[in-house]
PDB file of N, CA and C in Angstrom:
ATOM      1  N   UNK A   1     -18.062  -4.493 -32.221  1.00  0.00           N
ATOM      2  CA  UNK A   1     -16.822  -4.724 -31.428  1.00  0.00           C
ATOM      3  C   UNK A   1     -16.893  -3.901 -30.239  1.00  0.00           C
ATOM      4  N   UNK A   2     -16.741  -4.512 -29.078  1.00  0.00           N
ATOM      5  CA  UNK A   2     -16.819  -3.717 -27.849  1.00  0.00           C
ATOM      6  C   UNK A   2     -15.335  -3.369 -27.409  1.00  0.00           C
ATOM      7  N   UNK A   3     -15.155  -2.208 -26.934  1.00  0.00           N
ATOM      8  CA  UNK A   3     -13.779  -1.942 -26.406  1.00  0.00           C
ATOM      9  C   UNK A   3     -13.823  -1.681 -24.932  1.00  0.00           C
ATOM     10  N   UNK A   4     -13.139  -2.489 -24.373  1.00  0.00           N
ATOM     11  CA  UNK A   4     -12.979  -2.411 -22.819  1.00  0.00           C
ATOM     12  C   UNK A   4     -11.994  -1.401 -22.524  1.00  0.00           C
ATOM     13  N   UNK A   5     -12.428  -0.541 -21.646  1.00  0.00           N
ATOM     14  CA  UNK A   5     -11.521   0.503 -21.087  1.00  0.00           C
ATOM     15  C   UNK A   5     -11.236   0.014 -19.544  1.00  0.00           C
ATOM     16  N   UNK A   6      -9.862   0.065 -19.337  1.00  0.00           N
ATOM     17  CA  UNK A   6      -9.509  -0.215 -17.977  1.00  0.00           C
ATOM     18  C   UNK A   6      -9.644   1.051 -17.156  1.00  0.00           C
ATOM     19  N   UNK A   7     -10.288   0.904 -16.060  1.00  0.00           N
ATOM     20  CA  UNK A   7     -10.511   2.063 -15.084  1.00  0.00           C
ATOM     21  C   UNK A   7      -9.534   1.945 -13.935  1.00  0.00           C
ATOM     22  N   UNK A   8      -8.713   2.860 -13.920  1.00  0.00           N
ATOM     23  CA  UNK A   8      -7.735   2.906 -12.803  1.00  0.00           C
ATOM     24  C   UNK A   8      -8.365   3.617 -11.664  1.00  0.00           C
ATOM     25  N   UNK A   9      -8.333   3.047 -10.504  1.00  0.00           N
ATOM     26  CA  UNK A   9      -8.890   3.663  -9.413  1.00  0.00           C
ATOM     27  C   UNK A   9      -7.740   4.773  -8.909  1.00  0.00           C
ATOM     28  N   UNK A  10      -8.192   5.874  -8.391  1.00  0.00           N
ATOM     29  CA  UNK A  10      -7.232   6.848  -7.894  1.00  0.00           C
ATOM     30  C   UNK A  10      -7.396   6.812  -6.336  1.00  0.00           C
ATOM     31  N   UNK A  11      -6.285   6.515  -5.854  1.00  0.00           N
ATOM     32  CA  UNK A  11      -6.280   6.603  -4.340  1.00  0.00           C
ATOM     33  C   UNK A  11      -5.175   7.597  -3.847  1.00  0.00           C
ATOM     34  N   UNK A  12      -5.571   8.497  -2.933  1.00  0.00           N
ATOM     35  CA  UNK A  12      -4.640   9.435  -2.544  1.00  0.00           C
ATOM     36  C   UNK A  12      -3.406   8.595  -1.751  1.00  0.00           C
ATOM     37  N   UNK A  13      -2.268   9.006  -1.807  1.00  0.00           N
ATOM     38  CA  UNK A  13      -1.199   8.158  -1.290  1.00  0.00           C
ATOM     39  C   UNK A  13      -1.213   8.107   0.108  1.00  0.00           C
ATOM     40  N   UNK A  14      -1.723   9.050   0.900  1.00  0.00           N
ATOM     41  CA  UNK A  14      -1.733   8.767   2.405  1.00  0.00           C
ATOM     42  C   UNK A  14      -2.850   7.765   2.638  1.00  0.00           C
ATOM     43  N   UNK A  15      -3.861   7.801   1.919  1.00  0.00           N
ATOM     44  CA  UNK A  15      -4.983   6.828   2.097  1.00  0.00           C
ATOM     45  C   UNK A  15      -4.498   5.459   1.877  1.00  0.00           C
ATOM     46  N   UNK A  16      -3.711   5.254   0.835  1.00  0.00           N
ATOM     47  CA  UNK A  16      -3.148   3.869   0.582  1.00  0.00           C
ATOM     48  C   UNK A  16      -2.235   3.514   1.552  1.00  0.00           C
ATOM     49  N   UNK A  17      -1.383   4.286   2.011  1.00  0.00           N
ATOM     50  CA  UNK A  17      -0.400   4.143   3.069  1.00  0.00           C
ATOM     51  C   UNK A  17      -1.191   3.656   4.348  1.00  0.00           C
ATOM     52  N   UNK A  18      -2.227   4.306   4.654  1.00  0.00           N
ATOM     53  CA  UNK A  18      -2.981   3.886   5.870  1.00  0.00           C
ATOM     54  C   UNK A  18      -3.625   2.516   5.689  1.00  0.00           C
ATOM     55  N   UNK A  19      -3.973   2.283   4.468  1.00  0.00           N
ATOM     56  CA  UNK A  19      -4.666   0.833   4.212  1.00  0.00           C
ATOM     57  C   UNK A  19      -3.562  -0.266   4.335  1.00  0.00           C
ATOM     58  N   UNK A  20      -2.335   0.105   3.904  1.00  0.00           N
ATOM     59  CA  UNK A  20      -1.220  -0.803   3.915  1.00  0.00           C
ATOM     60  C   UNK A  20      -0.783  -1.207   5.357  1.00  0.00           C
ATOM     61  N   UNK A  21      -1.045  -0.241   6.188  1.00  0.00           N
ATOM     62  CA  UNK A  21      -0.615  -0.584   7.619  1.00  0.00           C
ATOM     63  C   UNK A  21      -1.211  -1.666   8.243  1.00  0.00           C
ATOM     64  N   UNK A  22      -2.520  -1.982   7.931  1.00  0.00           N
ATOM     65  CA  UNK A  22      -3.197  -3.196   8.535  1.00  0.00           C
ATOM     66  C   UNK A  22      -2.499  -4.432   7.886  1.00  0.00           C
ATOM     67  N   UNK A  23      -2.062  -4.439   6.636  1.00  0.00           N
ATOM     68  CA  UNK A  23      -1.452  -5.709   5.979  1.00  0.00           C
ATOM     69  C   UNK A  23       0.142  -5.754   6.571  1.00  0.00           C
ATOM     70  N   UNK A  24       0.840  -4.594   6.604  1.00  0.00           N
ATOM     71  CA  UNK A  24       2.222  -4.639   6.997  1.00  0.00           C
ATOM     72  C   UNK A  24       2.406  -4.862   8.569  1.00  0.00           C
ATOM     73  N   UNK A  25       1.376  -4.616   9.375  1.00  0.00           N
ATOM     74  CA  UNK A  25       1.435  -4.968  10.788  1.00  0.00           C
ATOM     75  C   UNK A  25       1.688  -6.447  11.081  1.00  0.00           C
ATOM     76  N   UNK A  26       1.117  -7.267  10.303  1.00  0.00           N
ATOM     77  CA  UNK A  26       1.149  -8.792  10.420  1.00  0.00           C
ATOM     78  C   UNK A  26       2.442  -9.291   9.630  1.00  0.00           C
ATOM     79  N   UNK A  27       2.773  -8.819   8.421  1.00  0.00           N
ATOM     80  CA  UNK A  27       3.804  -9.238   7.636  1.00  0.00           C
ATOM     81  C   UNK A  27       4.634  -8.058   7.106  1.00  0.00           C
ATOM     82  N   UNK A  28       5.534  -7.532   8.048  1.00  0.00           N
ATOM     83  CA  UNK A  28       6.283  -6.365   7.680  1.00  0.00           C
ATOM     84  C   UNK A  28       7.347  -6.528   6.532  1.00  0.00           C
ATOM     85  N   UNK A  29       7.739  -7.946   6.490  1.00  0.00           N
ATOM     86  CA  UNK A  29       8.735  -8.221   5.400  1.00  0.00           C
ATOM     87  C   UNK A  29       8.164  -8.697   4.133  1.00  0.00           C
ATOM     88  N   UNK A  30       6.956  -8.265   3.884  1.00  0.00           N
ATOM     89  CA  UNK A  30       6.270  -8.622   2.617  1.00  0.00           C
ATOM     90  C   UNK A  30       6.982  -8.047   1.292  1.00  0.00           C
ATOM     91  N   UNK A  31       7.148  -8.792   0.262  1.00  0.00           N
ATOM     92  CA  UNK A  31       7.720  -8.221  -0.888  1.00  0.00           C
ATOM     93  C   UNK A  31       6.930  -7.284  -1.586  1.00  0.00           C
ATOM     94  N   UNK A  32       7.535  -6.470  -2.420  1.00  0.00           N
ATOM     95  CA  UNK A  32       6.812  -5.480  -3.117  1.00  0.00           C
ATOM     96  C   UNK A  32       5.903  -6.047  -4.162  1.00  0.00           C
ATOM     97  N   UNK A  33       6.337  -7.145  -4.853  1.00  0.00           N
ATOM     98  CA  UNK A  33       5.507  -7.778  -5.793  1.00  0.00           C
ATOM     99  C   UNK A  33       4.190  -8.270  -5.200  1.00  0.00           C
ATOM    100  N   UNK A  34       4.269  -8.906  -4.018  1.00  0.00           N
ATOM    101  CA  UNK A  34       3.167  -9.350  -3.311  1.00  0.00           C
ATOM    102  C   UNK A  34       2.215  -8.263  -2.824  1.00  0.00           C
ATOM    103  N   UNK A  35       2.693  -7.120  -2.413  1.00  0.00           N
ATOM    104  CA  UNK A  35       2.061  -6.008  -1.967  1.00  0.00           C
ATOM    105  C   UNK A  35       1.346  -5.298  -3.240  1.00  0.00           C
ATOM    106  N   UNK A  36       1.867  -5.332  -4.374  1.00  0.00           N
ATOM    107  CA  UNK A  36       1.338  -4.806  -5.666  1.00  0.00           C
ATOM    108  C   UNK A  36       0.090  -5.623  -6.022  1.00  0.00           C
ATOM    109  N   UNK A  37       0.263  -6.820  -5.960  1.00  0.00           N
ATOM    110  CA  UNK A  37      -0.882  -7.897  -6.222  1.00  0.00           C
ATOM    111  C   UNK A  37      -1.939  -7.718  -5.257  1.00  0.00           C
ATOM    112  N   UNK A  38      -1.665  -7.472  -3.981  1.00  0.00           N
ATOM    113  CA  UNK A  38      -2.620  -7.413  -2.832  1.00  0.00           C
ATOM    114  C   UNK A  38      -3.423  -6.079  -3.084  1.00  0.00           C
ATOM    115  N   UNK A  39      -2.781  -4.967  -3.515  1.00  0.00           N
ATOM    116  CA  UNK A  39      -3.379  -3.717  -3.828  1.00  0.00           C
ATOM    117  C   UNK A  39      -4.353  -3.866  -5.029  1.00  0.00           C
ATOM    118  N   UNK A  40      -3.968  -4.664  -6.024  1.00  0.00           N
ATOM    119  CA  UNK A  40      -4.626  -4.820  -7.245  1.00  0.00           C
ATOM    120  C   UNK A  40      -5.995  -5.584  -6.975  1.00  0.00           C
ATOM    121  N   UNK A  41      -5.816  -6.658  -6.142  1.00  0.00           N
ATOM    122  CA  UNK A  41      -6.979  -7.395  -5.815  1.00  0.00           C
ATOM    123  C   UNK A  41      -8.040  -6.780  -4.837  1.00  0.00           C
ATOM    124  N   UNK A  42      -7.379  -6.189  -3.856  1.00  0.00           N
ATOM    125  CA  UNK A  42      -8.292  -5.448  -2.850  1.00  0.00           C
ATOM    126  C   UNK A  42      -8.938  -4.255  -3.290  1.00  0.00           C
ATOM    127  N   UNK A  43      -8.147  -3.271  -3.829  1.00  0.00           N
ATOM    128  CA  UNK A  43      -8.607  -1.950  -4.301  1.00  0.00           C
ATOM    129  C   UNK A  43      -8.580  -1.649  -5.701  1.00  0.00           C
ATOM    130  N   UNK A  44      -7.967  -2.486  -6.436  1.00  0.00           N
ATOM    131  CA  UNK A  44      -7.986  -2.230  -7.986  1.00  0.00           C
ATOM    132  C   UNK A  44      -6.977  -1.189  -8.207  1.00  0.00           C
ATOM    133  N   UNK A  45      -6.089  -0.907  -7.452  1.00  0.00           N
ATOM    134  CA  UNK A  45      -5.029   0.167  -7.616  1.00  0.00           C
ATOM    135  C   UNK A  45      -3.665  -0.509  -8.207  1.00  0.00           C
ATOM    136  N   UNK A  46      -3.502  -0.033  -9.439  1.00  0.00           N
ATOM    137  CA  UNK A  46      -2.300  -0.274 -10.215  1.00  0.00           C
ATOM    138  C   UNK A  46      -1.199   0.617 -10.003  1.00  0.00           C
ATOM    139  N   UNK A  47      -0.092   0.098  -9.315  1.00  0.00           N
ATOM    140  CA  UNK A  47       0.993   1.049  -8.877  1.00  0.00           C
ATOM    141  C   UNK A  47       2.331   0.519  -9.436  1.00  0.00           C
ATOM    142  N   UNK A  48       3.364   1.430  -9.700  1.00  0.00           N
ATOM    143  CA  UNK A  48       4.567   1.051 -10.175  1.00  0.00           C
ATOM    144  C   UNK A  48       5.380   0.562  -9.036  1.00  0.00           C
ATOM    145  N   UNK A  49       6.597  -0.028  -9.341  1.00  0.00           N
ATOM    146  CA  UNK A  49       7.374  -0.388  -8.237  1.00  0.00           C
ATOM    147  C   UNK A  49       7.811   0.705  -7.348  1.00  0.00           C
ATOM    148  N   UNK A  50       8.186   1.800  -7.905  1.00  0.00           N
ATOM    149  CA  UNK A  50       8.679   2.933  -7.207  1.00  0.00           C
ATOM    150  C   UNK A  50       7.479   3.427  -6.288  1.00  0.00           C
ATOM    151  N   UNK A  51       6.292   3.536  -6.818  1.00  0.00           N
ATOM    152  CA  UNK A  51       5.204   4.028  -5.966  1.00  0.00           C
ATOM    153  C   UNK A  51       4.908   3.087  -4.821  1.00  0.00           C
ATOM    154  N   UNK A  52       5.000   1.783  -5.020  1.00  0.00           N
ATOM    155  CA  UNK A  52       4.662   0.871  -4.028  1.00  0.00           C
ATOM    156  C   UNK A  52       5.870   0.878  -3.002  1.00  0.00           C
ATOM    157  N   UNK A  53       7.075   1.196  -3.347  1.00  0.00           N
ATOM    158  CA  UNK A  53       8.235   1.188  -2.565  1.00  0.00           C
ATOM    159  C   UNK A  53       8.015   2.370  -1.602  1.00  0.00           C
ATOM    160  N   UNK A  54       7.570   3.571  -2.076  1.00  0.00           N
ATOM    161  CA  UNK A  54       7.327   4.744  -1.272  1.00  0.00           C
ATOM    162  C   UNK A  54       6.168   4.599  -0.362  1.00  0.00           C
ATOM    163  N   UNK A  55       5.052   3.901  -0.798  1.00  0.00           N
ATOM    164  CA  UNK A  55       3.965   3.744   0.134  1.00  0.00           C
ATOM    165  C   UNK A  55       4.121   2.694   1.224  1.00  0.00           C
ATOM    166  N   UNK A  56       5.081   1.658   0.933  1.00  0.00           N
ATOM    167  CA  UNK A  56       5.474   0.666   1.893  1.00  0.00           C
ATOM    168  C   UNK A  56       6.295   1.368   2.979  1.00  0.00           C
ATOM    169  N   UNK A  57       7.233   2.184   2.522  1.00  0.00           N
ATOM    170  CA  UNK A  57       7.930   2.862   3.559  1.00  0.00           C
ATOM    171  C   UNK A  57       7.249   3.903   4.331  1.00  0.00           C
ATOM    172  N   UNK A  58       6.234   4.499   3.792  1.00  0.00           N
ATOM    173  CA  UNK A  58       5.396   5.420   4.588  1.00  0.00           C
ATOM    174  C   UNK A  58       4.479   4.663   5.553  1.00  0.00           C
ATOM    175  N   UNK A  59       4.091   3.484   5.206  1.00  0.00           N
ATOM    176  CA  UNK A  59       3.216   2.702   6.120  1.00  0.00           C
ATOM    177  C   UNK A  59       4.102   2.128   7.235  1.00  0.00           C
ATOM    178  N   UNK A  60       5.274   1.705   6.946  1.00  0.00           N
ATOM    179  CA  UNK A  60       6.213   1.217   7.926  1.00  0.00           C
ATOM    180  C   UNK A  60       6.520   2.265   8.920  1.00  0.00           C
ATOM    181  N   UNK A  61       6.764   3.608   8.358  1.00  0.00           N
ATOM    182  CA  UNK A  61       7.030   4.724   9.240  1.00  0.00           C
ATOM    183  C   UNK A  61       5.888   4.956  10.143  1.00  0.00           C
ATOM    184  N   UNK A  62       4.657   4.882   9.662  1.00  0.00           N
ATOM    185  CA  UNK A  62       3.563   5.043  10.490  1.00  0.00           C
ATOM    186  C   UNK A  62       3.306   4.095  11.619  1.00  0.00           C
ATOM    187  N   UNK A  63       3.696   2.753  11.282  1.00  0.00           N
ATOM    188  CA  UNK A  63       3.716   1.680  12.240  1.00  0.00           C
ATOM    189  C   UNK A  63       4.692   1.918  13.375  1.00  0.00           C
ATOM    190  N   UNK A  64       6.041   2.150  12.969  1.00  0.00           N
ATOM    191  CA  UNK A  64       7.051   2.397  13.950  1.00  0.00           C
ATOM    192  C   UNK A  64       6.889   3.702  14.627  1.00  0.00           C
ATOM    193  N   UNK A  65       6.372   4.682  14.019  1.00  0.00           N
ATOM    194  CA  UNK A  65       6.169   5.938  14.704  1.00  0.00           C
ATOM    195  C   UNK A  65       5.080   5.807  15.867  1.00  0.00           C
ATOM    196  N   UNK A  66       4.046   4.976  15.551  1.00  0.00           N
ATOM    197  CA  UNK A  66       3.027   4.739  16.584  1.00  0.00           C
ATOM    198  C   UNK A  66       3.597   4.055  17.854  1.00  0.00           C
ATOM    199  N   UNK A  67       4.488   3.060  17.537  1.00  0.00           N
ATOM    200  CA  UNK A  67       5.093   2.230  18.592  1.00  0.00           C
ATOM    201  C   UNK A  67       6.071   3.163  19.396  1.00  0.00           C
ATOM    202  N   UNK A  68       6.871   4.006  18.682  1.00  0.00           N
ATOM    203  CA  UNK A  68       7.742   4.931  19.393  1.00  0.00           C
ATOM    204  C   UNK A  68       7.103   5.875  20.309  1.00  0.00           C
ATOM    205  N   UNK A  69       5.941   6.422  19.826  1.00  0.00           N
ATOM    206  CA  UNK A  69       5.145   7.314  20.723  1.00  0.00           C
ATOM    207  C   UNK A  69       4.660   6.711  21.899  1.00  0.00           C
ATOM    208  N   UNK A  70       4.266   5.466  21.859  1.00  0.00           N
ATOM    209  CA  UNK A  70       3.755   4.672  23.033  1.00  0.00           C
ATOM    210  C   UNK A  70       4.838   4.687  24.189  1.00  0.00           C
ATOM    211  N   UNK A  71       6.101   4.471  23.667  1.00  0.00           N
ATOM    212  CA  UNK A  71       7.151   4.437  24.747  1.00  0.00           C
ATOM    213  C   UNK A  71       7.784   5.624  25.258  1.00  0.00           C
ATOM    214  N   UNK A  72       7.340   6.728  24.641  1.00  0.00           N
ATOM    215  CA  UNK A  72       7.831   8.068  25.172  1.00  0.00           C
ATOM    216  C   UNK A  72       7.230   8.429  26.431  1.00  0.00           C
TER     217      UNK A  72
END
């Protein structure tokens, strides 16, 4: 009998937020559930709702911060 072990990929949170920037630039109103599925399929990262919420906010802050810096 074979036992399959799930391997959870470890991504640093800043790296994950940077990767989410490219997704959220096009669809900033994307739901957390859809983002979780996207992370699961693209990078194999399994995140909780709370972690996904924090990373989405960091990514949106990066996007808006870059836009604000351009206008200064």
